[in-house]
Amino acid sequence: MFATTKVKLDKDLLAKIKRYADLAGYSSAEEFITHALEKELAKLEGAKDEEEIKKRLRGLGYIS
């Protein structure tokens, strides 16, 4: 098993997550969120250094 933590989400965002999780066949919103975060983090893995990570985050639109 793995450790868990609570994260606060906007009510409207959570409603969208639940809707899409259900449509996509996930067993829960938590499973959907975990999968989405794992996919995004995979895009950053393999970076050589902090500058490469920042470059990738800019490319993904997370930082400016």
N, C-alpha and C. Protein backbone atom coordinates (compact mmCIF):
# COMPACT_ATOMS: atom_id res chain seq x y z
N MET A 1 0.84 -1.18 0.00
CA MET A 1 0.00 0.00 0.00
C MET A 1 0.88 1.24 0.00
N PHE A 2 0.33 2.37 -0.26
CA PHE A 2 1.09 3.60 -0.30
C PHE A 2 0.46 4.64 0.63
N ALA A 3 1.24 5.62 1.00
CA ALA A 3 0.75 6.69 1.87
C ALA A 3 -0.19 7.60 1.09
N THR A 4 -1.15 8.16 1.78
CA THR A 4 -2.08 9.08 1.14
C THR A 4 -2.10 10.39 1.91
N THR A 5 -2.62 11.40 1.24
CA THR A 5 -2.79 12.70 1.86
C THR A 5 -4.05 13.34 1.29
N LYS A 6 -4.56 14.31 1.99
CA LYS A 6 -5.75 15.01 1.52
C LYS A 6 -5.32 16.27 0.79
N VAL A 7 -6.05 16.59 -0.26
CA VAL A 7 -5.82 17.81 -1.04
C VAL A 7 -7.15 18.51 -1.21
N LYS A 8 -7.16 19.81 -0.98
CA LYS A 8 -8.40 20.57 -1.16
C LYS A 8 -8.53 20.98 -2.61
N LEU A 9 -9.71 20.74 -3.18
CA LEU A 9 -10.01 21.10 -4.56
C LEU A 9 -11.26 21.96 -4.59
N ASP A 10 -11.31 22.85 -5.55
CA ASP A 10 -12.50 23.64 -5.79
C ASP A 10 -13.67 22.70 -6.08
N LYS A 11 -14.84 23.04 -5.56
CA LYS A 11 -16.02 22.18 -5.71
C LYS A 11 -16.36 21.93 -7.18
N ASP A 12 -16.27 22.96 -8.01
CA ASP A 12 -16.59 22.79 -9.43
C ASP A 12 -15.58 21.89 -10.13
N LEU A 13 -14.31 22.04 -9.77
CA LEU A 13 -13.27 21.18 -10.35
C LEU A 13 -13.50 19.73 -9.94
N LEU A 14 -13.81 19.51 -8.69
CA LEU A 14 -14.06 18.14 -8.22
C LEU A 14 -15.25 17.52 -8.94
N ALA A 15 -16.27 18.31 -9.20
CA ALA A 15 -17.44 17.79 -9.93
C ALA A 15 -17.03 17.36 -11.34
N LYS A 16 -16.19 18.15 -12.00
CA LYS A 16 -15.70 17.78 -13.35
C LYS A 16 -14.88 16.51 -13.28
N ILE A 17 -14.01 16.43 -12.29
CA ILE A 17 -13.16 15.25 -12.13
C ILE A 17 -14.02 14.01 -11.95
N LYS A 18 -15.01 14.09 -11.08
CA LYS A 18 -15.88 12.94 -10.85
C LYS A 18 -16.61 12.55 -12.12
N ARG A 19 -17.08 13.54 -12.87
CA ARG A 19 -17.81 13.26 -14.12
C ARG A 19 -16.91 12.54 -15.12
N TYR A 20 -15.72 13.09 -15.35
CA TYR A 20 -14.81 12.49 -16.32
C TYR A 20 -14.25 11.15 -15.85
N ALA A 21 -14.03 11.02 -14.57
CA ALA A 21 -13.56 9.75 -14.03
C ALA A 21 -14.59 8.66 -14.30
N ASP A 22 -15.85 8.99 -14.08
CA ASP A 22 -16.93 8.03 -14.32
C ASP A 22 -17.03 7.68 -15.80
N LEU A 23 -16.99 8.70 -16.66
CA LEU A 23 -17.09 8.47 -18.10
C LEU A 23 -15.93 7.62 -18.63
N ALA A 24 -14.75 7.81 -18.03
CA ALA A 24 -13.57 7.09 -18.49
C ALA A 24 -13.44 5.70 -17.86
N GLY A 25 -14.32 5.39 -16.93
CA GLY A 25 -14.30 4.05 -16.34
C GLY A 25 -13.40 3.88 -15.14
N TYR A 26 -12.96 4.98 -14.56
CA TYR A 26 -12.15 4.88 -13.34
C TYR A 26 -13.05 4.47 -12.19
N SER A 27 -12.48 3.79 -11.20
CA SER A 27 -13.28 3.34 -10.07
C SER A 27 -13.59 4.46 -9.09
N SER A 28 -12.82 5.55 -9.17
CA SER A 28 -13.05 6.68 -8.27
C SER A 28 -12.38 7.93 -8.82
N ALA A 29 -12.76 9.07 -8.27
CA ALA A 29 -12.09 10.32 -8.63
C ALA A 29 -10.63 10.26 -8.22
N GLU A 30 -10.34 9.63 -7.09
CA GLU A 30 -8.97 9.51 -6.61
C GLU A 30 -8.10 8.75 -7.60
N GLU A 31 -8.64 7.67 -8.16
CA GLU A 31 -7.89 6.89 -9.14
C GLU A 31 -7.61 7.74 -10.39
N PHE A 32 -8.59 8.49 -10.83
CA PHE A 32 -8.42 9.37 -11.98
C PHE A 32 -7.35 10.42 -11.72
N ILE A 33 -7.42 11.08 -10.57
CA ILE A 33 -6.44 12.11 -10.21
C ILE A 33 -5.04 11.52 -10.14
N THR A 34 -4.90 10.37 -9.50
CA THR A 34 -3.59 9.71 -9.41
C THR A 34 -3.03 9.43 -10.79
N HIS A 35 -3.84 8.90 -11.68
CA HIS A 35 -3.40 8.58 -13.03
C HIS A 35 -3.00 9.84 -13.79
N ALA A 36 -3.80 10.90 -13.67
CA ALA A 36 -3.50 12.15 -14.37
C ALA A 36 -2.18 12.75 -13.86
N LEU A 37 -1.98 12.73 -12.56
CA LEU A 37 -0.73 13.27 -12.00
C LEU A 37 0.48 12.43 -12.40
N GLU A 38 0.31 11.12 -12.40
CA GLU A 38 1.41 10.24 -12.82
C GLU A 38 1.80 10.51 -14.27
N LYS A 39 0.82 10.74 -15.14
CA LYS A 39 1.10 11.03 -16.55
C LYS A 39 1.86 12.35 -16.69
N GLU A 40 1.44 13.37 -15.94
CA GLU A 40 2.11 14.66 -16.02
C GLU A 40 3.53 14.59 -15.46
N LEU A 41 3.70 13.87 -14.37
CA LEU A 41 5.04 13.74 -13.79
C LEU A 41 5.97 12.95 -14.70
N ALA A 42 5.43 11.99 -15.43
CA ALA A 42 6.24 11.21 -16.37
C ALA A 42 6.84 12.10 -17.44
N LYS A 43 6.14 13.18 -17.79
CA LYS A 43 6.66 14.11 -18.79
C LYS A 43 7.89 14.84 -18.28
N LEU A 44 8.03 14.94 -16.97
CA LEU A 44 9.17 15.64 -16.37
C LEU A 44 10.33 14.72 -16.05
N GLU A 45 10.05 13.44 -15.91
CA GLU A 45 11.10 12.49 -15.56
C GLU A 45 12.15 12.41 -16.67
N GLY A 46 13.33 12.17 -16.27
CA GLY A 46 14.41 12.08 -17.24
C GLY A 46 15.11 13.40 -17.46
N ALA A 47 14.63 14.45 -16.81
CA ALA A 47 15.29 15.74 -16.94
C ALA A 47 16.67 15.65 -16.28
N LYS A 48 17.65 16.28 -16.89
CA LYS A 48 19.03 16.21 -16.41
C LYS A 48 19.27 17.06 -15.17
N ASP A 49 18.60 18.20 -15.10
CA ASP A 49 18.82 19.11 -13.98
C ASP A 49 17.60 20.00 -13.76
N GLU A 50 17.70 20.89 -12.79
CA GLU A 50 16.58 21.76 -12.45
C GLU A 50 16.17 22.66 -13.61
N GLU A 51 17.13 23.14 -14.38
CA GLU A 51 16.81 23.99 -15.52
C GLU A 51 16.01 23.24 -16.58
N GLU A 52 16.35 21.99 -16.79
CA GLU A 52 15.61 21.17 -17.75
C GLU A 52 14.17 20.96 -17.27
N ILE A 53 14.00 20.75 -15.96
CA ILE A 53 12.66 20.59 -15.41
C ILE A 53 11.86 21.87 -15.61
N LYS A 54 12.47 23.03 -15.33
CA LYS A 54 11.79 24.31 -15.52
C LYS A 54 11.41 24.51 -16.99
N LYS A 55 12.29 24.12 -17.88
CA LYS A 55 12.03 24.25 -19.32
C LYS A 55 10.81 23.40 -19.70
N ARG A 56 10.76 22.19 -19.18
CA ARG A 56 9.64 21.30 -19.48
C ARG A 56 8.34 21.82 -18.88
N LEU A 57 8.42 22.36 -17.65
CA LEU A 57 7.23 22.93 -17.02
C LEU A 57 6.71 24.14 -17.81
N ARG A 58 7.62 24.96 -18.32
CA ARG A 58 7.21 26.09 -19.18
C ARG A 58 6.53 25.57 -20.43
N GLY A 59 7.11 24.55 -21.03
CA GLY A 59 6.54 23.96 -22.24
C GLY A 59 5.15 23.39 -22.02
N LEU A 60 4.90 22.90 -20.81
CA LEU A 60 3.59 22.36 -20.47
C LEU A 60 2.62 23.45 -20.03
N GLY A 61 3.14 24.66 -19.86
CA GLY A 61 2.28 25.78 -19.48
C GLY A 61 2.06 25.92 -17.98
N TYR A 62 2.86 25.23 -17.17
CA TYR A 62 2.67 25.30 -15.73
C TYR A 62 3.35 26.51 -15.10
N ILE A 63 4.42 26.98 -15.69
CA ILE A 63 5.10 28.18 -15.20
C ILE A 63 5.40 29.07 -16.39
N SER A 64 5.60 30.36 -16.09
CA SER A 64 5.90 31.30 -17.19
C SER A 64 7.29 31.87 -17.04
